N, C-alpha and C. Protein backbone atom coordinates (compact mmCIF):
# COMPACT_ATOMS: atom_id res chain seq x y z
N MET A 1 106.46 41.47 9.82
CA MET A 1 106.29 42.18 11.09
C MET A 1 104.86 42.65 11.17
N SER A 2 104.27 42.50 12.41
CA SER A 2 102.86 42.88 12.59
C SER A 2 102.79 44.37 12.83
N THR A 3 101.74 45.00 12.26
CA THR A 3 101.53 46.45 12.46
C THR A 3 100.35 46.73 13.36
N GLU A 4 99.88 45.74 14.10
CA GLU A 4 98.69 45.93 14.98
C GLU A 4 99.06 46.86 16.12
N ALA A 5 98.19 47.87 16.35
CA ALA A 5 98.43 48.83 17.45
C ALA A 5 98.23 48.17 18.80
N VAL A 6 99.08 48.52 19.72
CA VAL A 6 99.00 47.95 21.07
C VAL A 6 98.56 49.06 22.03
N SER A 7 97.47 48.80 22.74
CA SER A 7 96.96 49.80 23.72
C SER A 7 97.92 49.88 24.91
N PRO A 8 98.17 51.10 25.37
CA PRO A 8 99.07 51.23 26.54
C PRO A 8 98.46 50.59 27.77
N ALA A 9 99.29 50.01 28.59
CA ALA A 9 98.81 49.34 29.81
C ALA A 9 98.37 50.39 30.83
N PRO A 10 97.33 50.09 31.58
CA PRO A 10 96.88 51.05 32.62
C PRO A 10 97.95 51.22 33.68
N PRO A 11 97.99 52.40 34.31
CA PRO A 11 99.02 52.63 35.33
C PRO A 11 98.79 51.69 36.50
N PRO A 12 99.87 51.28 37.13
CA PRO A 12 99.72 50.36 38.26
C PRO A 12 99.04 51.05 39.43
N THR A 13 98.29 50.31 40.16
CA THR A 13 97.60 50.82 41.35
C THR A 13 98.15 50.12 42.57
N GLU A 14 97.92 50.78 43.76
CA GLU A 14 98.34 50.16 45.01
C GLU A 14 97.53 48.89 45.22
N PRO A 15 98.14 47.89 45.83
CA PRO A 15 97.44 46.62 45.99
C PRO A 15 96.15 46.76 46.77
N ASP A 16 96.11 47.65 47.80
CA ASP A 16 94.93 47.70 48.67
C ASP A 16 94.00 48.85 48.29
N GLU A 17 94.28 49.56 47.19
CA GLU A 17 93.43 50.70 46.82
C GLU A 17 92.21 50.22 46.08
N SER A 18 91.08 50.72 46.41
CA SER A 18 89.84 50.38 45.74
C SER A 18 89.30 51.61 45.05
N PRO A 19 88.44 51.43 44.03
CA PRO A 19 87.89 52.61 43.32
C PRO A 19 87.15 53.55 44.24
N SER A 20 86.59 53.06 45.36
CA SER A 20 85.79 53.92 46.23
C SER A 20 86.61 54.60 47.30
N ALA A 21 87.90 54.25 47.45
CA ALA A 21 88.73 54.84 48.49
C ALA A 21 88.98 56.32 48.17
N PRO A 22 88.96 57.20 49.18
CA PRO A 22 89.18 58.63 48.93
C PRO A 22 90.62 58.90 48.55
N THR A 23 90.80 59.81 47.66
CA THR A 23 92.14 60.20 47.27
C THR A 23 92.65 61.24 48.25
N ARG A 24 93.92 61.55 48.17
CA ARG A 24 94.51 62.56 49.07
C ARG A 24 93.84 63.91 48.86
N ARG A 25 93.52 64.22 47.59
CA ARG A 25 92.89 65.50 47.29
C ARG A 25 91.50 65.60 47.93
N THR A 26 90.69 64.52 47.76
CA THR A 26 89.33 64.57 48.33
C THR A 26 89.37 64.52 49.85
N PHE A 27 90.36 63.84 50.41
CA PHE A 27 90.48 63.78 51.88
C PHE A 27 90.73 65.17 52.46
N ILE A 28 91.68 65.90 51.84
CA ILE A 28 92.00 67.25 52.32
C ILE A 28 90.80 68.17 52.17
N ALA A 29 90.11 68.07 51.02
CA ALA A 29 88.94 68.93 50.80
C ALA A 29 87.84 68.64 51.81
N THR A 30 87.64 67.37 52.10
CA THR A 30 86.57 66.98 53.04
C THR A 30 86.87 67.47 54.44
N THR A 31 88.11 67.23 54.91
CA THR A 31 88.45 67.65 56.27
C THR A 31 88.42 69.16 56.42
N THR A 32 88.80 69.89 55.37
CA THR A 32 88.74 71.35 55.42
C THR A 32 87.31 71.84 55.55
N ALA A 33 86.41 71.22 54.79
CA ALA A 33 85.00 71.61 54.85
C ALA A 33 84.41 71.31 56.22
N VAL A 34 84.73 70.13 56.75
CA VAL A 34 84.20 69.76 58.07
C VAL A 34 84.73 70.69 59.14
N GLY A 35 86.02 71.05 59.03
CA GLY A 35 86.60 71.98 59.99
C GLY A 35 85.92 73.32 59.95
N GLY A 36 85.61 73.81 58.75
CA GLY A 36 84.92 75.09 58.62
C GLY A 36 83.55 75.06 59.27
N VAL A 37 82.84 73.95 59.09
CA VAL A 37 81.53 73.82 59.72
C VAL A 37 81.65 73.81 61.23
N ALA A 38 82.69 73.12 61.74
CA ALA A 38 82.88 73.05 63.19
C ALA A 38 83.17 74.43 63.76
N VAL A 39 84.05 75.19 63.06
CA VAL A 39 84.36 76.54 63.53
C VAL A 39 83.12 77.42 63.51
N ALA A 40 82.37 77.34 62.40
CA ALA A 40 81.14 78.14 62.31
C ALA A 40 80.18 77.75 63.40
N GLY A 41 80.07 76.46 63.64
CA GLY A 41 79.17 76.00 64.69
C GLY A 41 79.59 76.50 66.05
N GLY A 42 80.94 76.54 66.27
CA GLY A 42 81.43 77.05 67.55
C GLY A 42 81.11 78.51 67.72
N VAL A 43 81.27 79.30 66.64
CA VAL A 43 80.95 80.72 66.72
C VAL A 43 79.48 80.93 67.01
N ILE A 44 78.65 80.19 66.26
CA ILE A 44 77.21 80.33 66.47
C ILE A 44 76.84 79.89 67.88
N GLY A 45 77.42 78.75 68.28
CA GLY A 45 77.12 78.26 69.62
C GLY A 45 77.58 79.23 70.69
N GLY A 46 78.78 79.85 70.45
CA GLY A 46 79.27 80.82 71.41
C GLY A 46 78.34 82.00 71.52
N SER A 47 77.81 82.47 70.38
CA SER A 47 76.88 83.59 70.41
C SER A 47 75.64 83.23 71.21
N VAL A 48 75.16 82.03 70.98
CA VAL A 48 73.97 81.60 71.71
C VAL A 48 74.27 81.52 73.19
N LEU A 49 75.49 81.02 73.53
CA LEU A 49 75.85 80.90 74.93
C LEU A 49 75.95 82.26 75.59
N VAL A 50 76.61 83.22 74.90
CA VAL A 50 76.72 84.56 75.45
C VAL A 50 75.34 85.16 75.64
N GLY A 51 74.49 84.98 74.66
CA GLY A 51 73.13 85.51 74.76
C GLY A 51 72.38 84.92 75.94
N SER A 52 72.56 83.61 76.15
CA SER A 52 71.85 82.98 77.27
C SER A 52 72.38 83.48 78.60
N GLU A 53 73.70 83.75 78.67
CA GLU A 53 74.26 84.28 79.92
C GLU A 53 73.73 85.68 80.20
N GLU A 54 73.63 86.49 79.16
CA GLU A 54 73.09 87.84 79.35
C GLU A 54 71.63 87.77 79.79
N ALA A 55 70.89 86.83 79.20
CA ALA A 55 69.49 86.68 79.57
C ALA A 55 69.37 86.24 81.02
N ALA A 56 70.27 85.32 81.43
CA ALA A 56 70.23 84.86 82.82
C ALA A 56 70.56 85.99 83.78
N ALA A 57 71.55 86.84 83.38
CA ALA A 57 71.90 87.97 84.23
C ALA A 57 70.75 88.96 84.33
N ALA A 58 70.05 89.15 83.18
CA ALA A 58 68.92 90.08 83.18
C ALA A 58 67.79 89.58 84.07
N ALA A 59 67.70 88.27 84.22
CA ALA A 59 66.63 87.70 85.02
C ALA A 59 67.08 87.37 86.43
N ALA A 60 68.19 87.98 86.90
CA ALA A 60 68.70 87.72 88.25
C ALA A 60 67.64 88.11 89.28
N PRO A 61 67.51 87.34 90.35
CA PRO A 61 66.50 87.64 91.36
C PRO A 61 66.72 89.00 92.01
N ALA A 62 65.65 89.72 92.20
CA ALA A 62 65.72 91.06 92.81
C ALA A 62 64.74 91.12 93.97
N SER A 63 64.99 92.05 94.86
CA SER A 63 64.12 92.23 96.03
C SER A 63 63.90 93.71 96.29
N ARG A 64 62.81 93.99 96.95
CA ARG A 64 62.49 95.36 97.34
C ARG A 64 63.00 95.58 98.77
N VAL A 65 63.72 96.66 98.98
CA VAL A 65 64.29 96.93 100.30
C VAL A 65 64.01 98.38 100.68
N SER A 66 63.69 98.58 101.94
CA SER A 66 63.46 99.92 102.48
C SER A 66 64.43 100.16 103.63
N LEU A 67 65.16 101.25 103.56
CA LEU A 67 66.07 101.60 104.63
C LEU A 67 66.19 103.12 104.72
N THR A 68 66.65 103.59 105.84
CA THR A 68 66.81 105.02 106.05
C THR A 68 68.28 105.38 105.86
N VAL A 69 68.53 106.27 104.92
CA VAL A 69 69.91 106.69 104.62
C VAL A 69 70.04 108.17 104.94
N ASN A 70 70.89 108.49 105.90
CA ASN A 70 71.12 109.88 106.31
C ASN A 70 69.81 110.59 106.65
N GLY A 71 68.91 109.86 107.31
CA GLY A 71 67.66 110.44 107.78
C GLY A 71 66.52 110.42 106.79
N THR A 72 66.76 109.94 105.58
CA THR A 72 65.72 109.89 104.55
C THR A 72 65.37 108.45 104.23
N ARG A 73 64.06 108.15 104.25
CA ARG A 73 63.62 106.79 103.93
C ARG A 73 63.76 106.52 102.45
N ARG A 74 64.39 105.41 102.11
CA ARG A 74 64.60 105.03 100.71
C ARG A 74 64.02 103.65 100.47
N THR A 75 63.24 103.51 99.40
CA THR A 75 62.68 102.22 99.02
C THR A 75 63.00 101.98 97.56
N MET A 76 63.58 100.82 97.27
CA MET A 76 63.96 100.53 95.88
C MET A 76 64.05 99.03 95.68
N THR A 77 64.04 98.64 94.41
CA THR A 77 64.20 97.23 94.04
C THR A 77 65.61 97.05 93.48
N VAL A 78 66.35 96.12 94.06
CA VAL A 78 67.74 95.92 93.66
C VAL A 78 68.01 94.43 93.46
N ASP A 79 69.00 94.15 92.64
CA ASP A 79 69.51 92.79 92.47
C ASP A 79 69.94 92.27 93.85
N ASN A 80 69.62 91.04 94.15
CA ASN A 80 69.94 90.48 95.46
C ASN A 80 71.44 90.46 95.75
N ARG A 81 72.26 90.57 94.71
CA ARG A 81 73.71 90.54 94.90
C ARG A 81 74.31 91.92 95.13
N THR A 82 73.49 92.97 95.13
CA THR A 82 73.98 94.33 95.26
C THR A 82 74.51 94.58 96.67
N SER A 83 75.72 95.09 96.74
CA SER A 83 76.29 95.44 98.04
C SER A 83 75.75 96.80 98.49
N LEU A 84 75.85 97.05 99.78
CA LEU A 84 75.44 98.35 100.29
C LEU A 84 76.27 99.45 99.64
N LEU A 85 77.54 99.20 99.40
CA LEU A 85 78.40 100.20 98.76
C LEU A 85 77.89 100.55 97.37
N ASP A 86 77.55 99.54 96.58
CA ASP A 86 77.04 99.81 95.23
C ASP A 86 75.67 100.48 95.27
N LEU A 87 74.86 100.12 96.26
CA LEU A 87 73.56 100.78 96.38
C LEU A 87 73.76 102.27 96.66
N LEU A 88 74.68 102.59 97.57
CA LEU A 88 74.93 103.99 97.91
C LEU A 88 75.51 104.75 96.72
N ARG A 89 76.49 104.18 96.07
CA ARG A 89 77.19 104.89 95.01
C ARG A 89 76.44 104.90 93.69
N GLU A 90 75.89 103.75 93.30
CA GLU A 90 75.29 103.63 91.98
C GLU A 90 73.80 103.97 91.94
N HIS A 91 73.10 103.71 93.04
CA HIS A 91 71.65 103.94 93.06
C HIS A 91 71.28 105.27 93.72
N LEU A 92 72.02 105.67 94.74
CA LEU A 92 71.66 106.88 95.49
C LEU A 92 72.63 108.03 95.24
N ASP A 93 73.67 107.80 94.44
CA ASP A 93 74.64 108.84 94.09
C ASP A 93 75.32 109.44 95.33
N LEU A 94 75.52 108.60 96.35
CA LEU A 94 76.26 109.00 97.54
C LEU A 94 77.65 108.40 97.42
N THR A 95 78.57 109.18 96.88
CA THR A 95 79.89 108.64 96.52
C THR A 95 80.95 108.89 97.58
N GLY A 96 80.54 109.34 98.77
CA GLY A 96 81.51 109.57 99.84
C GLY A 96 82.20 108.29 100.26
N ALA A 97 81.43 107.22 100.40
CA ALA A 97 82.02 105.91 100.71
C ALA A 97 82.77 105.43 99.48
N LYS A 98 84.05 105.14 99.65
CA LYS A 98 84.91 104.84 98.51
C LYS A 98 85.07 103.32 98.32
N LYS A 99 85.22 102.94 97.06
CA LYS A 99 85.50 101.54 96.72
C LYS A 99 87.00 101.40 96.58
N GLY A 100 87.63 100.81 97.59
CA GLY A 100 89.07 100.62 97.56
C GLY A 100 89.42 99.21 97.13
N CYS A 101 89.49 98.30 98.10
CA CYS A 101 89.84 96.91 97.78
C CYS A 101 88.62 96.10 97.36
N ASN A 102 87.42 96.52 97.76
CA ASN A 102 86.17 95.79 97.50
C ASN A 102 86.22 94.38 98.10
N ALA A 103 87.01 94.23 99.16
CA ALA A 103 87.13 92.93 99.83
C ALA A 103 87.15 93.07 101.35
N GLY A 104 86.80 94.24 101.85
CA GLY A 104 86.73 94.43 103.30
C GLY A 104 88.07 94.55 103.98
N ALA A 105 89.13 94.86 103.24
CA ALA A 105 90.46 94.89 103.84
C ALA A 105 91.03 96.29 104.05
N CYS A 106 90.42 97.32 103.44
CA CYS A 106 91.03 98.66 103.53
C CYS A 106 90.21 99.65 104.34
N GLY A 107 88.91 99.42 104.49
CA GLY A 107 88.08 100.31 105.30
C GLY A 107 87.62 101.58 104.62
N ALA A 108 87.95 101.77 103.34
CA ALA A 108 87.57 103.01 102.65
C ALA A 108 86.06 103.14 102.50
N CYS A 109 85.34 102.03 102.58
CA CYS A 109 83.88 102.05 102.39
C CYS A 109 83.11 102.04 103.70
N THR A 110 83.79 102.28 104.82
CA THR A 110 83.14 102.19 106.14
C THR A 110 81.97 103.17 106.26
N VAL A 111 80.83 102.65 106.70
CA VAL A 111 79.65 103.47 107.02
C VAL A 111 79.10 102.96 108.35
N LEU A 112 78.13 103.69 108.88
CA LEU A 112 77.48 103.25 110.12
C LEU A 112 76.12 102.65 109.77
N VAL A 113 75.86 101.46 110.27
CA VAL A 113 74.56 100.81 110.12
C VAL A 113 74.01 100.61 111.54
N ASP A 114 72.91 101.32 111.82
CA ASP A 114 72.34 101.32 113.17
C ASP A 114 73.40 101.68 114.20
N GLY A 115 74.27 102.62 113.84
CA GLY A 115 75.28 103.12 114.76
C GLY A 115 76.55 102.31 114.83
N GLN A 116 76.60 101.17 114.15
CA GLN A 116 77.77 100.30 114.20
C GLN A 116 78.56 100.39 112.89
N ARG A 117 79.88 100.23 113.00
CA ARG A 117 80.73 100.29 111.81
C ARG A 117 80.53 99.06 110.93
N HIS A 118 80.42 99.30 109.63
CA HIS A 118 80.27 98.20 108.68
C HIS A 118 81.10 98.51 107.43
N ASN A 119 81.71 97.47 106.87
CA ASN A 119 82.32 97.59 105.55
C ASN A 119 81.20 97.44 104.52
N ALA A 120 80.87 98.53 103.86
CA ALA A 120 79.73 98.52 102.95
C ALA A 120 79.93 97.58 101.77
N CYS A 121 81.18 97.32 101.40
CA CYS A 121 81.43 96.46 100.24
C CYS A 121 81.11 95.00 100.55
N LEU A 122 81.07 94.63 101.83
CA LEU A 122 80.80 93.25 102.22
C LEU A 122 79.37 93.06 102.73
N THR A 123 78.58 94.11 102.73
CA THR A 123 77.23 94.06 103.28
C THR A 123 76.20 94.03 102.17
N LEU A 124 75.37 93.00 102.13
CA LEU A 124 74.32 92.93 101.11
C LEU A 124 73.20 93.91 101.45
N ALA A 125 72.81 94.70 100.47
CA ALA A 125 71.78 95.72 100.70
C ALA A 125 70.45 95.10 101.12
N VAL A 126 70.10 93.94 100.54
CA VAL A 126 68.79 93.35 100.82
C VAL A 126 68.67 92.84 102.25
N ARG A 127 69.78 92.75 102.96
CA ARG A 127 69.74 92.29 104.36
C ARG A 127 69.56 93.45 105.34
N LEU A 128 69.38 94.66 104.81
CA LEU A 128 69.31 95.85 105.67
C LEU A 128 67.90 96.42 105.75
N GLU A 129 66.90 95.60 105.53
CA GLU A 129 65.52 96.06 105.61
C GLU A 129 65.27 96.75 106.96
N GLY A 130 64.83 98.01 106.89
CA GLY A 130 64.51 98.77 108.10
C GLY A 130 65.71 99.37 108.81
N ALA A 131 66.91 99.19 108.30
CA ALA A 131 68.11 99.69 108.98
C ALA A 131 68.28 101.19 108.75
N GLU A 132 69.10 101.79 109.61
CA GLU A 132 69.47 103.19 109.47
C GLU A 132 70.94 103.26 109.09
N VAL A 133 71.22 103.87 107.96
CA VAL A 133 72.58 103.95 107.44
C VAL A 133 73.04 105.41 107.46
N THR A 134 74.25 105.61 107.96
CA THR A 134 74.83 106.96 107.96
C THR A 134 76.12 106.93 107.16
N THR A 135 76.21 107.82 106.17
CA THR A 135 77.42 107.96 105.37
C THR A 135 78.06 109.31 105.71
N ILE A 136 79.20 109.56 105.12
CA ILE A 136 79.90 110.82 105.40
C ILE A 136 79.06 112.02 105.00
N GLU A 137 78.18 111.85 103.99
CA GLU A 137 77.32 112.96 103.54
C GLU A 137 76.29 113.35 104.60
N GLY A 138 75.96 112.43 105.49
CA GLY A 138 74.92 112.71 106.49
C GLY A 138 75.45 112.94 107.88
N LEU A 139 76.77 113.06 108.01
CA LEU A 139 77.36 113.18 109.35
C LEU A 139 77.24 114.58 109.92
N ALA A 140 77.40 115.57 109.07
CA ALA A 140 77.31 116.96 109.53
C ALA A 140 75.86 117.34 109.81
N ASP A 141 75.67 118.36 110.63
CA ASP A 141 74.34 118.89 110.92
C ASP A 141 74.20 120.21 110.17
N GLY A 142 73.74 120.09 108.93
CA GLY A 142 73.66 121.28 108.09
C GLY A 142 75.06 121.79 107.78
N GLU A 143 75.34 123.04 108.12
CA GLU A 143 76.65 123.63 107.91
C GLU A 143 77.61 123.32 109.05
N GLN A 144 77.08 122.76 110.12
CA GLN A 144 77.90 122.45 111.29
C GLN A 144 78.54 121.08 111.14
N LEU A 145 79.86 121.04 111.04
CA LEU A 145 80.56 119.78 110.89
C LEU A 145 80.48 118.94 112.16
N HIS A 146 80.52 117.63 111.97
CA HIS A 146 80.64 116.73 113.12
C HIS A 146 81.97 117.04 113.81
N PRO A 147 82.04 116.92 115.13
CA PRO A 147 83.29 117.21 115.84
C PRO A 147 84.51 116.47 115.30
N LEU A 148 84.32 115.22 114.84
CA LEU A 148 85.47 114.48 114.31
C LEU A 148 85.88 115.01 112.93
N GLN A 149 84.91 115.46 112.15
CA GLN A 149 85.26 116.09 110.89
C GLN A 149 86.11 117.35 111.14
N GLN A 150 85.70 118.13 112.11
CA GLN A 150 86.45 119.34 112.43
C GLN A 150 87.83 119.00 112.97
N ALA A 151 87.89 117.93 113.78
CA ALA A 151 89.19 117.52 114.34
C ALA A 151 90.15 117.07 113.24
N PHE A 152 89.64 116.40 112.22
CA PHE A 152 90.49 116.00 111.10
C PHE A 152 91.07 117.23 110.40
N ILE A 153 90.28 118.30 110.32
CA ILE A 153 90.79 119.53 109.72
C ILE A 153 91.82 120.18 110.65
N ASP A 154 91.48 120.26 111.93
CA ASP A 154 92.38 120.90 112.90
C ASP A 154 93.72 120.18 112.99
N GLU A 155 93.69 118.86 112.93
CA GLU A 155 94.92 118.07 113.09
C GLU A 155 95.59 117.76 111.75
N ASP A 156 94.99 118.23 110.66
CA ASP A 156 95.53 117.95 109.32
C ASP A 156 95.72 116.44 109.12
N ALA A 157 94.65 115.70 109.43
CA ALA A 157 94.73 114.24 109.49
C ALA A 157 94.42 113.57 108.15
N PHE A 158 94.78 114.21 107.07
CA PHE A 158 94.56 113.61 105.75
C PHE A 158 95.50 114.25 104.75
N GLN A 159 95.73 113.52 103.65
CA GLN A 159 96.51 114.08 102.55
C GLN A 159 95.71 113.97 101.26
N CYS A 160 95.68 112.76 100.66
CA CYS A 160 94.92 112.63 99.40
C CYS A 160 93.42 112.64 99.66
N GLY A 161 93.00 112.22 100.85
CA GLY A 161 91.58 112.27 101.22
C GLY A 161 90.76 111.07 100.81
N TYR A 162 91.35 110.13 100.09
CA TYR A 162 90.55 109.00 99.59
C TYR A 162 90.01 108.15 100.74
N CYS A 163 90.82 107.90 101.74
CA CYS A 163 90.38 107.05 102.85
C CYS A 163 89.65 107.84 103.92
N THR A 164 89.65 109.17 103.83
CA THR A 164 89.16 110.02 104.92
C THR A 164 87.70 109.75 105.31
N PRO A 165 86.75 109.62 104.36
CA PRO A 165 85.37 109.33 104.78
C PRO A 165 85.27 108.06 105.63
N GLY A 166 85.95 107.01 105.20
CA GLY A 166 85.93 105.76 105.97
C GLY A 166 86.61 105.91 107.31
N GLN A 167 87.72 106.65 107.34
CA GLN A 167 88.43 106.88 108.60
C GLN A 167 87.53 107.63 109.59
N ILE A 168 86.83 108.64 109.12
CA ILE A 168 85.98 109.44 110.00
C ILE A 168 84.81 108.61 110.53
N LEU A 169 84.13 107.87 109.64
CA LEU A 169 83.01 107.04 110.09
C LEU A 169 83.49 105.96 111.06
N SER A 170 84.65 105.39 110.78
CA SER A 170 85.21 104.39 111.69
C SER A 170 85.57 105.02 113.03
N GLY A 171 86.11 106.25 112.98
CA GLY A 171 86.44 106.95 114.21
C GLY A 171 85.20 107.25 115.05
N VAL A 172 84.11 107.66 114.39
CA VAL A 172 82.86 107.91 115.10
C VAL A 172 82.38 106.63 115.79
N GLY A 173 82.44 105.52 115.05
CA GLY A 173 82.03 104.25 115.64
C GLY A 173 82.94 103.85 116.78
N CYS A 174 84.22 104.07 116.63
CA CYS A 174 85.19 103.73 117.66
C CYS A 174 84.91 104.51 118.95
N ILE A 175 84.57 105.77 118.81
CA ILE A 175 84.26 106.60 119.97
C ILE A 175 82.97 106.11 120.65
N LYS A 176 81.95 105.80 119.83
CA LYS A 176 80.68 105.30 120.39
C LYS A 176 80.87 103.98 121.12
N GLU A 177 81.79 103.17 120.63
CA GLU A 177 82.03 101.86 121.24
C GLU A 177 82.89 101.97 122.49
N GLY A 178 83.46 103.13 122.74
CA GLY A 178 84.26 103.33 123.95
C GLY A 178 85.67 102.80 123.86
N HIS A 179 86.20 102.70 122.65
CA HIS A 179 87.55 102.16 122.49
C HIS A 179 88.57 103.27 122.27
N THR A 180 88.55 104.27 123.17
CA THR A 180 89.44 105.42 123.01
C THR A 180 90.20 105.71 124.31
N GLY A 181 90.46 104.68 125.07
CA GLY A 181 91.13 104.88 126.36
C GLY A 181 92.57 105.33 126.24
N SER A 182 93.21 105.04 125.14
CA SER A 182 94.62 105.40 124.95
C SER A 182 94.91 105.42 123.44
N PRO A 183 96.01 106.07 123.06
CA PRO A 183 96.37 106.04 121.63
C PRO A 183 96.56 104.61 121.12
N GLU A 184 97.10 103.74 121.96
CA GLU A 184 97.30 102.36 121.56
C GLU A 184 95.97 101.66 121.30
N GLU A 185 94.99 101.93 122.14
CA GLU A 185 93.67 101.32 121.96
C GLU A 185 93.00 101.85 120.69
N ILE A 186 93.15 103.14 120.46
CA ILE A 186 92.57 103.72 119.24
C ILE A 186 93.21 103.09 118.01
N ARG A 187 94.53 102.95 118.02
CA ARG A 187 95.21 102.35 116.88
C ARG A 187 94.72 100.92 116.64
N GLU A 188 94.53 100.19 117.73
CA GLU A 188 94.07 98.80 117.61
C GLU A 188 92.69 98.73 116.99
N TRP A 189 91.78 99.58 117.47
CA TRP A 189 90.39 99.50 117.00
C TRP A 189 90.15 100.26 115.69
N MET A 190 91.15 101.00 115.24
CA MET A 190 91.08 101.66 113.94
C MET A 190 91.96 100.95 112.91
N SER A 191 92.51 99.81 113.27
CA SER A 191 93.49 99.14 112.41
C SER A 191 92.89 98.62 111.11
N GLY A 192 91.59 98.51 111.03
CA GLY A 192 90.96 98.04 109.80
C GLY A 192 90.87 99.10 108.72
N ASN A 193 91.27 100.33 109.05
CA ASN A 193 91.23 101.43 108.08
C ASN A 193 92.65 101.81 107.67
N ILE A 194 92.93 101.61 106.40
CA ILE A 194 94.28 101.85 105.88
C ILE A 194 94.39 103.26 105.31
N CYS A 195 95.48 103.94 105.67
CA CYS A 195 95.81 105.25 105.09
C CYS A 195 97.13 105.08 104.36
N ARG A 196 97.09 105.06 103.04
CA ARG A 196 98.32 104.84 102.27
C ARG A 196 99.23 106.07 102.29
N CYS A 197 98.70 107.21 102.72
CA CYS A 197 99.54 108.40 102.85
C CYS A 197 100.29 108.41 104.19
N GLY A 198 99.90 107.55 105.11
CA GLY A 198 100.61 107.43 106.38
C GLY A 198 100.28 108.49 107.41
N CYS A 199 99.01 108.91 107.48
CA CYS A 199 98.62 109.95 108.44
C CYS A 199 98.13 109.37 109.76
N TYR A 200 98.59 108.20 110.12
CA TYR A 200 98.04 107.50 111.29
C TYR A 200 98.18 108.29 112.59
N VAL A 201 99.32 108.93 112.79
CA VAL A 201 99.54 109.68 114.04
C VAL A 201 98.50 110.78 114.19
N LYS A 202 98.26 111.51 113.11
CA LYS A 202 97.31 112.62 113.16
C LYS A 202 95.86 112.11 113.24
N ILE A 203 95.58 110.97 112.60
CA ILE A 203 94.24 110.39 112.68
C ILE A 203 93.94 109.99 114.12
N VAL A 204 94.89 109.32 114.76
CA VAL A 204 94.71 108.92 116.17
C VAL A 204 94.52 110.16 117.05
N ARG A 205 95.30 111.19 116.77
CA ARG A 205 95.20 112.43 117.55
C ARG A 205 93.82 113.06 117.38
N ALA A 206 93.26 113.03 116.16
CA ALA A 206 91.94 113.62 115.93
C ALA A 206 90.85 112.83 116.66
N VAL A 207 90.95 111.50 116.63
CA VAL A 207 89.98 110.67 117.36
C VAL A 207 90.10 110.91 118.85
N GLU A 208 91.32 110.97 119.34
CA GLU A 208 91.55 111.20 120.77
C GLU A 208 91.01 112.55 121.19
N GLN A 209 91.24 113.57 120.38
CA GLN A 209 90.75 114.92 120.68
C GLN A 209 89.23 114.94 120.75
N THR A 210 88.57 114.30 119.80
CA THR A 210 87.10 114.28 119.75
C THR A 210 86.53 113.48 120.92
N ALA A 211 87.14 112.36 121.24
CA ALA A 211 86.67 111.55 122.36
C ALA A 211 86.79 112.31 123.67
N GLY A 212 87.81 113.14 123.80
CA GLY A 212 88.00 113.91 125.02
C GLY A 212 86.94 114.97 125.23
N LYS A 213 86.27 115.35 124.14
CA LYS A 213 85.22 116.37 124.25
C LYS A 213 83.90 115.77 124.67
């Protein structure tokens, strides 16, 4: 009997496997590494994108505008997208005009521009060069209230008061426009001003009372 040692046979391999083909272990490691780089790249790219958006916002076009607000001439440089409402509230600290819907549907931001009613939230400030703007803060004459302001008090034409500045400015415009021939006409021409407390009857009465004077 022969005592020659026999070397064990190498383990069988798949027919199509080559020495250079990636193993399951190296495949998983490679894809994990690539995924990590992609995620990191996305984060970095996102940061760059956010930074570029902030830079673009900082470089938004601006214009110089001069207008008269409640009898005082105001000149300032504002972003071209600034609404009259934001100019009044954020730049001039005149917070009487309220931001309700910010879409021109509630009338809480109503002011007078050259004597006409305007929704300040829909009016671009840069388009008002040379205009005269009247807000609720400028309606009274010193300590003497405007007749419509006094009528709102006399008729108790408000509850929470949020819509009241817009209601009063709209009422002043309505009277100037001559749309106060009847309660029905007043309601029609004041319909753009919403009172969520439901004081419409008293509001109409206050406008009617002031128009009669």
